[in-house]
Amino acid sequence: MQLTYNTIAIIAGIVGMIGVVYTIVESIREKLQNKLKLSEVIRSLIITTVIVALIGSVGIVIVVANGSPPIGGVTATPTTVSTPPATNTPTPNTNPTSGPTGLAPLKPQEVQSWCYTIPNGGTCDISHFVQFRRADGVVLPYAVQMLAEEPVGIKLPPGFTAYVWDCYHGQIVHGPQDLKQVCTMKVATGTQVPD
């Protein structure tokens, strides 16, 4: 097991607590055997308490200052997917690129036509469909992204490939397919998912 700041702080706290219990037991035993004054026992307990408080404080400062990594030293990094908000205004094709080996263009309106509503789902409003834009700002004229607020159905025709998130799992699918629940989707002409 790898020692981390949390582990060290926990060990210090346990050792400190054992020290307090041991000191109390020993002080009472010594008082009974040697008939020590009560003030000496109290002084011993105060000194022990101060030492334990200092050890605990140092442990807390170490944990807080270092971001409190868990035992084992592995930190979980949340994965977030950043997607641009959907708007009613179509995304302008700035910096368009041609598709690999001349793929046919794909427009948001065409992908919208594949959409259908499902019970307790969302709508197929055009504002949910935008031209796909890479993280570097390059717009792909052969790819569209769908950002639904609630799930919808999609009838993916042949000749298209999509990465589909059904609100629970993601998968790559090739048309033709009737997708019964789609929350987000990246779709492109051909056999490759846009990235």
C-alpha atoms as a PDB file:
ATOM      1  CA  MET A   1       0.000   0.000   0.000  1.00  0.00           C
ATOM      2  CA  GLN A   2       1.355   3.407  -0.906  1.00  0.00           C
ATOM      3  CA  LEU A   3       1.563   5.888   1.986  1.00  0.00           C
ATOM      4  CA  THR A   4      -0.314   9.083   1.285  1.00  0.00           C
ATOM      5  CA  TYR A   5      -0.948  12.200   3.326  1.00  0.00           C
ATOM      6  CA  ASN A   6      -4.334  10.827   4.418  1.00  0.00           C
ATOM      7  CA  THR A   7      -2.758   7.571   5.558  1.00  0.00           C
ATOM      8  CA  ILE A   8      -0.096   9.408   7.544  1.00  0.00           C
ATOM      9  CA  ALA A   9      -2.717  11.661   9.160  1.00  0.00           C
ATOM     10  CA  ILE A  10      -4.890   8.657  10.083  1.00  0.00           C
ATOM     11  CA  ILE A  11      -1.912   6.783  11.559  1.00  0.00           C
ATOM     12  CA  ALA A  12      -0.901   9.898  13.529  1.00  0.00           C
ATOM     13  CA  GLY A  13      -4.440  10.230  14.874  1.00  0.00           C
ATOM     14  CA  ILE A  14      -4.592   6.559  15.914  1.00  0.00           C
ATOM     15  CA  VAL A  15      -1.169   6.734  17.594  1.00  0.00           C
ATOM     16  CA  GLY A  16      -2.244   9.906  19.382  1.00  0.00           C
ATOM     17  CA  MET A  17      -5.458   8.315  20.644  1.00  0.00           C
ATOM     18  CA  ILE A  18      -3.566   5.234  21.835  1.00  0.00           C
ATOM     19  CA  GLY A  19      -1.147   7.578  23.606  1.00  0.00           C
ATOM     20  CA  VAL A  20      -3.996   9.384  25.363  1.00  0.00           C
ATOM     21  CA  VAL A  21      -5.616   6.147  26.541  1.00  0.00           C
ATOM     22  CA  TYR A  22      -2.255   4.739  27.664  1.00  0.00           C
ATOM     23  CA  THR A  23      -1.384   7.930  29.552  1.00  0.00           C
ATOM     24  CA  ILE A  24      -4.749   8.021  31.329  1.00  0.00           C
ATOM     25  CA  VAL A  25      -4.498   4.369  32.366  1.00  0.00           C
ATOM     26  CA  GLU A  26      -0.891   4.754  33.485  1.00  0.00           C
ATOM     27  CA  SER A  27      -1.631   7.967  35.382  1.00  0.00           C
ATOM     28  CA  ILE A  28      -4.488   6.363  37.273  1.00  0.00           C
ATOM     29  CA  ARG A  29      -2.406   3.229  38.005  1.00  0.00           C
ATOM     30  CA  GLU A  30       0.554   5.329  39.161  1.00  0.00           C
ATOM     31  CA  LYS A  31      -1.668   7.506  41.329  1.00  0.00           C
ATOM     32  CA  LEU A  32      -3.118   4.465  43.008  1.00  0.00           C
ATOM     33  CA  GLN A  33       0.295   2.833  43.546  1.00  0.00           C
ATOM     34  CA  ASN A  34       2.366   5.858  44.552  1.00  0.00           C
ATOM     35  CA  LYS A  35      -0.350   8.028  45.961  1.00  0.00           C
ATOM     36  CA  LEU A  36       0.675  10.897  43.614  1.00  0.00           C
ATOM     37  CA  LYS A  37      -0.963  14.246  43.898  1.00  0.00           C
ATOM     38  CA  LEU A  38      -3.959  14.852  41.670  1.00  0.00           C
ATOM     39  CA  SER A  39      -2.252  17.959  40.236  1.00  0.00           C
ATOM     40  CA  GLU A  40       0.600  15.809  38.835  1.00  0.00           C
ATOM     41  CA  VAL A  41      -1.890  13.484  37.105  1.00  0.00           C
ATOM     42  CA  ILE A  42      -3.769  16.448  35.617  1.00  0.00           C
ATOM     43  CA  ARG A  43      -0.508  18.052  34.446  1.00  0.00           C
ATOM     44  CA  SER A  44       0.465  14.791  32.721  1.00  0.00           C
ATOM     45  CA  LEU A  45      -2.945  14.579  31.016  1.00  0.00           C
ATOM     46  CA  ILE A  46      -2.744  18.207  29.809  1.00  0.00           C
ATOM     47  CA  ILE A  47       0.732  17.667  28.326  1.00  0.00           C
ATOM     48  CA  THR A  48      -0.439  14.511  26.540  1.00  0.00           C
ATOM     49  CA  THR A  49      -3.547  16.275  25.200  1.00  0.00           C
ATOM     50  CA  VAL A  50      -1.444  19.167  23.843  1.00  0.00           C
ATOM     51  CA  ILE A  51       0.933  16.745  22.107  1.00  0.00           C
ATOM     52  CA  VAL A  52      -1.960  14.817  20.541  1.00  0.00           C
ATOM     53  CA  ALA A  53      -3.597  18.088  19.418  1.00  0.00           C
ATOM     54  CA  LEU A  54      -0.346  19.177  17.751  1.00  0.00           C
ATOM     55  CA  ILE A  55       0.048  15.827  15.957  1.00  0.00           C
ATOM     56  CA  GLY A  56      -3.581  15.973  14.785  1.00  0.00           C
ATOM     57  CA  SER A  57      -3.219  19.605  13.645  1.00  0.00           C
ATOM     58  CA  VAL A  58      -0.111  18.808  11.622  1.00  0.00           C
ATOM     59  CA  GLY A  59      -1.955  15.869  10.026  1.00  0.00           C
ATOM     60  CA  ILE A  60      -4.937  18.063   9.117  1.00  0.00           C
ATOM     61  CA  VAL A  61      -2.700  20.782   7.674  1.00  0.00           C
ATOM     62  CA  ILE A  62      -0.865  18.199   5.548  1.00  0.00           C
ATOM     63  CA  VAL A  63      -4.121  16.701   4.228  1.00  0.00           C
ATOM     64  CA  VAL A  64      -5.724  20.077   3.467  1.00  0.00           C
ATOM     65  CA  ALA A  65      -2.585  21.550   1.884  1.00  0.00           C
ATOM     66  CA  ASN A  66      -2.175  18.589  -0.444  1.00  0.00           C
ATOM     67  CA  GLY A  67      -5.704  18.213  -1.744  1.00  0.00           C
ATOM     68  CA  SER A  68      -6.602  15.191   0.367  1.00  0.00           C
ATOM     69  CA  PRO A  69      -5.658  12.324  -1.981  1.00  0.00           C
ATOM     70  CA  PRO A  70      -7.340   9.031  -1.033  1.00  0.00           C
ATOM     71  CA  ILE A  71      -5.558   6.032   0.450  1.00  0.00           C
ATOM     72  CA  GLY A  72      -3.554   4.284  -2.249  1.00  0.00           C
ATOM     73  CA  GLY A  73      -2.629   7.571  -3.904  1.00  0.00           C
ATOM     74  CA  VAL A  74      -5.082   7.262  -6.795  1.00  0.00           C
ATOM     75  CA  THR A  75      -7.258  10.275  -7.439  1.00  0.00           C
ATOM     76  CA  ALA A  76     -10.405  10.081  -9.500  1.00  0.00           C
ATOM     77  CA  THR A  77     -10.619  12.632 -12.268  1.00  0.00           C
ATOM     78  CA  PRO A  78     -14.163  13.400 -13.336  1.00  0.00           C
ATOM     79  CA  THR A  79     -14.729  13.181 -17.033  1.00  0.00           C
ATOM     80  CA  THR A  80     -16.746  16.008 -18.444  1.00  0.00           C
ATOM     81  CA  VAL A  81     -17.913  16.491 -21.979  1.00  0.00           C
ATOM     82  CA  SER A  82     -18.032  20.102 -23.012  1.00  0.00           C
ATOM     83  CA  THR A  83     -20.688  20.823 -25.585  1.00  0.00           C
ATOM     84  CA  PRO A  84     -21.706  24.200 -26.949  1.00  0.00           C
ATOM     85  CA  PRO A  85     -25.220  25.315 -26.024  1.00  0.00           C
ATOM     86  CA  ALA A  86     -27.824  24.888 -28.725  1.00  0.00           C
ATOM     87  CA  THR A  87     -29.249  28.083 -30.148  1.00  0.00           C
ATOM     88  CA  ASN A  88     -31.976  28.906 -32.630  1.00  0.00           C
ATOM     89  CA  THR A  89     -29.370  30.519 -34.868  1.00  0.00           C
ATOM     90  CA  PRO A  90     -27.598  28.106 -37.212  1.00  0.00           C
ATOM     91  CA  THR A  91     -23.841  27.850 -36.706  1.00  0.00           C
ATOM     92  CA  PRO A  92     -21.998  29.667 -39.474  1.00  0.00           C
ATOM     93  CA  ASN A  93     -19.551  27.556 -41.465  1.00  0.00           C
ATOM     94  CA  THR A  94     -16.361  29.386 -40.576  1.00  0.00           C
ATOM     95  CA  ASN A  95     -13.173  27.571 -41.545  1.00  0.00           C
ATOM     96  CA  PRO A  96     -14.995  24.770 -43.361  1.00  0.00           C
ATOM     97  CA  THR A  97     -12.967  21.758 -44.357  1.00  0.00           C
ATOM     98  CA  SER A  98     -13.756  19.216 -46.977  1.00  0.00           C
ATOM     99  CA  GLY A  99     -14.481  15.724 -45.738  1.00  0.00           C
ATOM    100  CA  PRO A 100     -11.986  12.917 -46.046  1.00  0.00           C
ATOM    101  CA  THR A 101     -11.926  11.748 -49.648  1.00  0.00           C
ATOM    102  CA  GLY A 102     -14.783  14.074 -50.627  1.00  0.00           C
ATOM    103  CA  LEU A 103     -17.590  13.062 -48.265  1.00  0.00           C
ATOM    104  CA  ALA A 104     -20.980  14.530 -49.090  1.00  0.00           C
ATOM    105  CA  PRO A 105     -22.056  17.524 -46.971  1.00  0.00           C
ATOM    106  CA  LEU A 106     -24.521  16.925 -44.143  1.00  0.00           C
ATOM    107  CA  LYS A 107     -26.795  19.706 -42.877  1.00  0.00           C
ATOM    108  CA  PRO A 108     -28.547  20.011 -39.484  1.00  0.00           C
ATOM    109  CA  GLN A 109     -31.930  20.157 -41.272  1.00  0.00           C
ATOM    110  CA  GLU A 110     -31.323  16.743 -42.848  1.00  0.00           C
ATOM    111  CA  VAL A 111     -30.441  15.144 -39.493  1.00  0.00           C
ATOM    112  CA  GLN A 112     -33.486  16.832 -37.945  1.00  0.00           C
ATOM    113  CA  SER A 113     -35.650  15.022 -40.523  1.00  0.00           C
ATOM    114  CA  TRP A 114     -34.469  11.656 -39.083  1.00  0.00           C
ATOM    115  CA  CYS A 115     -35.715  12.644 -35.612  1.00  0.00           C
ATOM    116  CA  TYR A 116     -39.005  11.538 -34.045  1.00  0.00           C
ATOM    117  CA  THR A 117     -40.503  12.084 -30.601  1.00  0.00           C
ATOM    118  CA  ILE A 118     -40.825   9.299 -28.042  1.00  0.00           C
ATOM    119  CA  PRO A 119     -43.071   9.031 -24.945  1.00  0.00           C
ATOM    120  CA  ASN A 120     -41.761  11.192 -22.085  1.00  0.00           C
ATOM    121  CA  GLY A 121     -39.067  12.489 -24.426  1.00  0.00           C
ATOM    122  CA  GLY A 122     -38.025  15.745 -25.971  1.00  0.00           C
ATOM    123  CA  THR A 123     -38.730  17.542 -29.215  1.00  0.00           C
ATOM    124  CA  CYS A 124     -37.065  17.509 -32.610  1.00  0.00           C
ATOM    125  CA  ASP A 125     -36.602  21.275 -32.704  1.00  0.00           C
ATOM    126  CA  ILE A 126     -33.954  22.513 -35.171  1.00  0.00           C
ATOM    127  CA  SER A 127     -32.200  24.315 -32.293  1.00  0.00           C
ATOM    128  CA  HIS A 128     -30.960  20.897 -31.109  1.00  0.00           C
ATOM    129  CA  PHE A 129     -29.034  20.282 -34.356  1.00  0.00           C
ATOM    130  CA  VAL A 130     -25.809  22.148 -35.211  1.00  0.00           C
ATOM    131  CA  GLN A 131     -22.997  21.734 -37.691  1.00  0.00           C
ATOM    132  CA  PHE A 132     -20.227  19.792 -35.944  1.00  0.00           C
ATOM    133  CA  ARG A 133     -17.362  21.964 -34.753  1.00  0.00           C
ATOM    134  CA  ARG A 134     -14.080  20.446 -33.568  1.00  0.00           C
ATOM    135  CA  ALA A 135     -12.443  21.641 -30.360  1.00  0.00           C
ATOM    136  CA  ASP A 136      -9.960  23.641 -32.460  1.00  0.00           C
ATOM    137  CA  GLY A 137     -12.868  25.572 -34.050  1.00  0.00           C
ATOM    138  CA  VAL A 138     -12.821  23.800 -37.425  1.00  0.00           C
ATOM    139  CA  VAL A 139     -16.334  23.166 -38.757  1.00  0.00           C
ATOM    140  CA  LEU A 140     -16.905  19.829 -40.500  1.00  0.00           C
ATOM    141  CA  PRO A 141     -19.442  20.224 -43.340  1.00  0.00           C
ATOM    142  CA  TYR A 142     -20.050  16.450 -43.421  1.00  0.00           C
ATOM    143  CA  ALA A 143     -20.944  16.144 -39.706  1.00  0.00           C
ATOM    144  CA  VAL A 144     -23.758  17.308 -37.395  1.00  0.00           C
ATOM    145  CA  GLN A 145     -24.139  17.295 -33.631  1.00  0.00           C
ATOM    146  CA  MET A 146     -27.478  16.834 -31.873  1.00  0.00           C
ATOM    147  CA  LEU A 147     -27.899  18.156 -28.327  1.00  0.00           C
ATOM    148  CA  ALA A 148     -31.321  17.150 -27.017  1.00  0.00           C
ATOM    149  CA  GLU A 149     -32.692  18.287 -23.677  1.00  0.00           C
ATOM    150  CA  GLU A 150     -34.703  15.052 -23.404  1.00  0.00           C
ATOM    151  CA  PRO A 151     -34.292  11.813 -25.399  1.00  0.00           C
ATOM    152  CA  VAL A 152     -35.689  11.462 -28.906  1.00  0.00           C
ATOM    153  CA  GLY A 153     -35.738   8.701 -31.515  1.00  0.00           C
ATOM    154  CA  ILE A 154     -33.491   8.779 -34.584  1.00  0.00           C
ATOM    155  CA  LYS A 155     -33.883   6.761 -37.781  1.00  0.00           C
ATOM    156  CA  LEU A 156     -30.251   6.673 -38.948  1.00  0.00           C
ATOM    157  CA  PRO A 157     -30.188   6.022 -42.713  1.00  0.00           C
ATOM    158  CA  PRO A 158     -27.569   3.905 -44.525  1.00  0.00           C
ATOM    159  CA  GLY A 159     -24.274   5.604 -45.342  1.00  0.00           C
ATOM    160  CA  PHE A 160     -23.946   7.398 -41.979  1.00  0.00           C
ATOM    161  CA  THR A 161     -22.038   6.645 -38.784  1.00  0.00           C
ATOM    162  CA  ALA A 162     -22.891   8.128 -35.395  1.00  0.00           C
ATOM    163  CA  TYR A 163     -21.669   8.190 -31.841  1.00  0.00           C
ATOM    164  CA  VAL A 164     -24.881   8.004 -29.799  1.00  0.00           C
ATOM    165  CA  TRP A 165     -25.354   8.693 -26.075  1.00  0.00           C
ATOM    166  CA  ASP A 166     -28.673   7.204 -24.887  1.00  0.00           C
ATOM    167  CA  CYS A 167     -28.509   9.066 -21.531  1.00  0.00           C
ATOM    168  CA  TYR A 168     -26.796   6.005 -19.984  1.00  0.00           C
ATOM    169  CA  HIS A 169     -24.274   4.543 -22.441  1.00  0.00           C
ATOM    170  CA  GLY A 170     -22.373   5.637 -25.513  1.00  0.00           C
ATOM    171  CA  GLN A 171     -21.875   3.584 -28.648  1.00  0.00           C
ATOM    172  CA  ILE A 172     -20.874   3.884 -32.286  1.00  0.00           C
ATOM    173  CA  VAL A 173     -23.592   2.824 -34.710  1.00  0.00           C
ATOM    174  CA  HIS A 174     -23.793   2.515 -38.492  1.00  0.00           C
ATOM    175  CA  GLY A 175     -26.956   3.111 -40.493  1.00  0.00           C
ATOM    176  CA  PRO A 176     -29.514   1.931 -41.216  1.00  0.00           C
ATOM    177  CA  GLN A 177     -30.760   1.715 -37.638  1.00  0.00           C
ATOM    178  CA  ASP A 178     -33.758   2.837 -35.646  1.00  0.00           C
ATOM    179  CA  LEU A 179     -32.369   4.334 -32.442  1.00  0.00           C
ATOM    180  CA  LYS A 180     -35.175   4.358 -29.865  1.00  0.00           C
ATOM    181  CA  GLN A 181     -33.538   6.718 -27.322  1.00  0.00           C
ATOM    182  CA  VAL A 182     -30.905   9.318 -28.179  1.00  0.00           C
ATOM    183  CA  CYS A 183     -29.853  12.140 -25.835  1.00  0.00           C
ATOM    184  CA  THR A 184     -26.821  13.374 -27.777  1.00  0.00           C
ATOM    185  CA  MET A 185     -25.332  12.335 -31.069  1.00  0.00           C
ATOM    186  CA  LYS A 186     -22.421  13.106 -33.389  1.00  0.00           C
ATOM    187  CA  VAL A 187     -23.165  11.886 -36.901  1.00  0.00           C
ATOM    188  CA  ALA A 188     -21.185  12.018 -40.124  1.00  0.00           C
ATOM    189  CA  THR A 189     -21.372  10.914 -43.727  1.00  0.00           C
ATOM    190  CA  GLY A 190     -19.352   7.715 -44.224  1.00  0.00           C
ATOM    191  CA  THR A 191     -17.910   5.219 -41.771  1.00  0.00           C
ATOM    192  CA  GLN A 192     -16.076   7.446 -39.289  1.00  0.00           C
ATOM    193  CA  VAL A 193     -17.439   9.329 -36.271  1.00  0.00           C
ATOM    194  CA  PRO A 194     -16.438  13.005 -36.264  1.00  0.00           C
ATOM    195  CA  ASP A 195     -13.889  14.068 -33.682  1.00  0.00           C
END
